[in-house]
Amino acid sequence: QVQLVESGGGLVQPGGSLRLSCVASGSRFYVHNMGWYCQTPGKERELVALIGRDGGTNYTDSVKGRFTISRVNGKNTVYLQMDNLEPEDTAVYYCYANLWFGGRRDDYWGQGTQVTVSS
């Protein structure tokens, strides 16, 4: 069994910062891509940022220059540094990992963490 556990969400004022963390835990697994998605009520989950094992990154346009994704492969951990937050960033943020476990490669998701940007 592999689980993704997130932390770091909360309430912040516009212009503030938050740092999300996510660790993949379990045994006998190998993580490929990791990333973050977000979802607001009535909308589909959408990509925020992805990072490969080699450190290559991909960001959605609305967060470029404000958010930074990083990872520590040896700890199976991914981070999302969120700076200059805007009210439009308010959403539930989900950790994502594409990984090998039990002889197959699948997508895994965390439980979600709420980020609220409001004055």
C-alpha atoms as a PDB file:
ATOM      1  CA  GLN A   1       0.000   0.000   0.000  1.00  0.00           C
ATOM      2  CA  VAL A   2       1.286   3.471  -0.922  1.00  0.00           C
ATOM      3  CA  GLN A   3      -0.143   6.658   0.531  1.00  0.00           C
ATOM      4  CA  LEU A   4       0.400  10.340  -0.244  1.00  0.00           C
ATOM      5  CA  VAL A   5       0.103  12.583   2.796  1.00  0.00           C
ATOM      6  CA  GLU A   6      -0.084  16.350   2.372  1.00  0.00           C
ATOM      7  CA  SER A   7       0.472  19.178   4.815  1.00  0.00           C
ATOM      8  CA  GLY A   8       0.812  22.943   4.790  1.00  0.00           C
ATOM      9  CA  GLY A   9      -2.523  24.343   3.667  1.00  0.00           C
ATOM     10  CA  GLY A  10      -4.390  27.095   5.486  1.00  0.00           C
ATOM     11  CA  LEU A  11      -5.661  30.648   5.403  1.00  0.00           C
ATOM     12  CA  VAL A  12      -3.416  33.437   4.126  1.00  0.00           C
ATOM     13  CA  GLN A  13      -3.903  37.047   3.093  1.00  0.00           C
ATOM     14  CA  PRO A  14      -3.441  38.144  -0.528  1.00  0.00           C
ATOM     15  CA  GLY A  15       0.244  38.581  -1.269  1.00  0.00           C
ATOM     16  CA  GLY A  16       1.206  36.041   1.361  1.00  0.00           C
ATOM     17  CA  SER A  17       2.975  32.706   1.059  1.00  0.00           C
ATOM     18  CA  LEU A  18       2.346  29.072   1.881  1.00  0.00           C
ATOM     19  CA  ARG A  19       4.417  25.944   1.447  1.00  0.00           C
ATOM     20  CA  LEU A  20       2.720  22.632   0.734  1.00  0.00           C
ATOM     21  CA  SER A  21       4.467  19.327   1.386  1.00  0.00           C
ATOM     22  CA  CYS A  22       3.614  15.802   0.346  1.00  0.00           C
ATOM     23  CA  VAL A  23       5.348  12.550   1.175  1.00  0.00           C
ATOM     24  CA  ALA A  24       4.748   9.190  -0.442  1.00  0.00           C
ATOM     25  CA  SER A  25       4.965   6.408   2.113  1.00  0.00           C
ATOM     26  CA  GLY A  26       4.862   2.649   1.900  1.00  0.00           C
ATOM     27  CA  SER A  27       7.303   0.010   0.767  1.00  0.00           C
ATOM     28  CA  ARG A  28       8.705  -1.331  -2.497  1.00  0.00           C
ATOM     29  CA  PHE A  29       7.599   1.501  -4.753  1.00  0.00           C
ATOM     30  CA  TYR A  30       9.327   3.802  -7.242  1.00  0.00           C
ATOM     31  CA  VAL A  31       8.117   7.326  -7.900  1.00  0.00           C
ATOM     32  CA  HIS A  32       8.212   8.858 -11.369  1.00  0.00           C
ATOM     33  CA  ASN A  33       6.460  12.213 -11.773  1.00  0.00           C
ATOM     34  CA  MET A  34       5.109  14.124  -8.792  1.00  0.00           C
ATOM     35  CA  GLY A  35       3.000  17.229  -8.726  1.00  0.00           C
ATOM     36  CA  TRP A  36       0.098  19.293  -7.522  1.00  0.00           C
ATOM     37  CA  TYR A  37      -3.426  19.782  -8.820  1.00  0.00           C
ATOM     38  CA  CYS A  38      -6.188  22.039  -7.533  1.00  0.00           C
ATOM     39  CA  GLN A  39      -9.961  21.923  -7.539  1.00  0.00           C
ATOM     40  CA  THR A  40     -12.724  24.395  -6.733  1.00  0.00           C
ATOM     41  CA  PRO A  41     -16.419  23.597  -6.277  1.00  0.00           C
ATOM     42  CA  GLY A  42     -18.152  22.761  -9.535  1.00  0.00           C
ATOM     43  CA  LYS A  43     -14.931  22.520 -11.508  1.00  0.00           C
ATOM     44  CA  GLU A  44     -12.689  19.688 -12.591  1.00  0.00           C
ATOM     45  CA  ARG A  45      -9.341  19.073 -10.953  1.00  0.00           C
ATOM     46  CA  GLU A  46      -6.642  20.913 -12.894  1.00  0.00           C
ATOM     47  CA  LEU A  47      -2.876  20.888 -13.053  1.00  0.00           C
ATOM     48  CA  VAL A  48      -0.848  23.375 -11.029  1.00  0.00           C
ATOM     49  CA  ALA A  49       2.689  22.018 -11.424  1.00  0.00           C
ATOM     50  CA  LEU A  50       4.562  18.808 -12.234  1.00  0.00           C
ATOM     51  CA  ILE A  51       8.141  17.715 -11.631  1.00  0.00           C
ATOM     52  CA  GLY A  52      10.022  14.723 -12.979  1.00  0.00           C
ATOM     53  CA  ARG A  53      12.724  12.719 -11.238  1.00  0.00           C
ATOM     54  CA  ASP A  54      15.288  14.667 -13.258  1.00  0.00           C
ATOM     55  CA  GLY A  55      13.919  17.954 -11.893  1.00  0.00           C
ATOM     56  CA  GLY A  56      12.197  19.019 -15.079  1.00  0.00           C
ATOM     57  CA  THR A  57       9.134  21.135 -14.295  1.00  0.00           C
ATOM     58  CA  ASN A  58       5.867  22.177 -15.884  1.00  0.00           C
ATOM     59  CA  TYR A  59       3.584  24.930 -14.553  1.00  0.00           C
ATOM     60  CA  THR A  60       0.162  26.150 -15.497  1.00  0.00           C
ATOM     61  CA  ASP A  61       0.373  29.697 -16.840  1.00  0.00           C
ATOM     62  CA  SER A  62      -1.477  31.347 -13.950  1.00  0.00           C
ATOM     63  CA  VAL A  63       1.170  30.359 -11.373  1.00  0.00           C
ATOM     64  CA  LYS A  64       4.366  30.900 -13.379  1.00  0.00           C
ATOM     65  CA  GLY A  65       6.703  33.225 -11.502  1.00  0.00           C
ATOM     66  CA  ARG A  66       4.744  32.838  -8.249  1.00  0.00           C
ATOM     67  CA  PHE A  67       4.838  29.104  -7.413  1.00  0.00           C
ATOM     68  CA  THR A  68       7.879  26.824  -7.278  1.00  0.00           C
ATOM     69  CA  ILE A  69       7.719  23.047  -7.252  1.00  0.00           C
ATOM     70  CA  SER A  70      10.601  20.956  -5.940  1.00  0.00           C
ATOM     71  CA  ARG A  71      11.242  17.415  -4.760  1.00  0.00           C
ATOM     72  CA  VAL A  72      13.655  15.258  -2.802  1.00  0.00           C
ATOM     73  CA  ASN A  73      13.833  11.892  -4.516  1.00  0.00           C
ATOM     74  CA  GLY A  74      15.470  10.114  -1.597  1.00  0.00           C
ATOM     75  CA  LYS A  75      12.588  11.144   0.642  1.00  0.00           C
ATOM     76  CA  ASN A  76       9.811  10.656  -1.940  1.00  0.00           C
ATOM     77  CA  THR A  77       8.689  14.169  -1.101  1.00  0.00           C
ATOM     78  CA  VAL A  78       7.382  17.011  -3.226  1.00  0.00           C
ATOM     79  CA  TYR A  79       6.925  20.638  -2.216  1.00  0.00           C
ATOM     80  CA  LEU A  80       4.991  23.571  -3.610  1.00  0.00           C
ATOM     81  CA  GLN A  81       6.212  27.008  -2.551  1.00  0.00           C
ATOM     82  CA  MET A  82       3.351  29.422  -3.169  1.00  0.00           C
ATOM     83  CA  ASP A  83       4.276  33.111  -3.139  1.00  0.00           C
ATOM     84  CA  ASN A  84       2.323  36.264  -3.913  1.00  0.00           C
ATOM     85  CA  LEU A  85      -0.910  34.360  -3.433  1.00  0.00           C
ATOM     86  CA  GLU A  86      -4.103  35.692  -4.970  1.00  0.00           C
ATOM     87  CA  PRO A  87      -7.754  35.073  -3.997  1.00  0.00           C
ATOM     88  CA  GLU A  88      -8.103  33.131  -7.262  1.00  0.00           C
ATOM     89  CA  ASP A  89      -5.628  30.570  -5.887  1.00  0.00           C
ATOM     90  CA  THR A  90      -8.200  29.487  -3.303  1.00  0.00           C
ATOM     91  CA  ALA A  91      -8.847  25.773  -3.835  1.00  0.00           C
ATOM     92  CA  VAL A  92      -8.265  22.309  -2.490  1.00  0.00           C
ATOM     93  CA  TYR A  93      -4.774  21.248  -3.521  1.00  0.00           C
ATOM     94  CA  TYR A  94      -4.081  17.587  -4.207  1.00  0.00           C
ATOM     95  CA  CYS A  95      -0.693  15.915  -4.278  1.00  0.00           C
ATOM     96  CA  TYR A  96      -0.128  13.626  -7.260  1.00  0.00           C
ATOM     97  CA  ALA A  97       2.374  10.890  -7.950  1.00  0.00           C
ATOM     98  CA  ASN A  98       2.821   8.482 -10.819  1.00  0.00           C
ATOM     99  CA  LEU A  99       4.609   5.469  -9.428  1.00  0.00           C
ATOM    100  CA  TRP A 100       5.451   1.773  -9.709  1.00  0.00           C
ATOM    101  CA  PHE A 101       3.927  -0.434  -7.027  1.00  0.00           C
ATOM    102  CA  GLY A 102       2.854  -4.044  -7.012  1.00  0.00           C
ATOM    103  CA  GLY A 103       4.083  -4.642 -10.551  1.00  0.00           C
ATOM    104  CA  ARG A 104       2.209  -1.793 -12.211  1.00  0.00           C
ATOM    105  CA  ARG A 105       2.459   1.921 -12.814  1.00  0.00           C
ATOM    106  CA  ASP A 106      -0.482   4.020 -11.628  1.00  0.00           C
ATOM    107  CA  ASP A 107      -1.540   7.504 -10.569  1.00  0.00           C
ATOM    108  CA  TYR A 108      -1.912   8.152  -6.848  1.00  0.00           C
ATOM    109  CA  TRP A 109      -3.546  11.085  -5.072  1.00  0.00           C
ATOM    110  CA  GLY A 110      -3.389  12.634  -1.652  1.00  0.00           C
ATOM    111  CA  GLN A 111      -6.453  13.489   0.399  1.00  0.00           C
ATOM    112  CA  GLY A 112      -6.288  17.197  -0.414  1.00  0.00           C
ATOM    113  CA  THR A 113      -5.440  20.272   1.614  1.00  0.00           C
ATOM    114  CA  GLN A 114      -7.448  23.505   1.624  1.00  0.00           C
ATOM    115  CA  VAL A 115      -5.752  26.747   0.637  1.00  0.00           C
ATOM    116  CA  THR A 116      -7.782  29.906   1.235  1.00  0.00           C
ATOM    117  CA  VAL A 117      -6.520  33.323   0.179  1.00  0.00           C
ATOM    118  CA  SER A 118      -8.620  36.061   1.724  1.00  0.00           C
ATOM    119  CA  SER A 119      -8.298  39.313   3.613  1.00  0.00           C
END
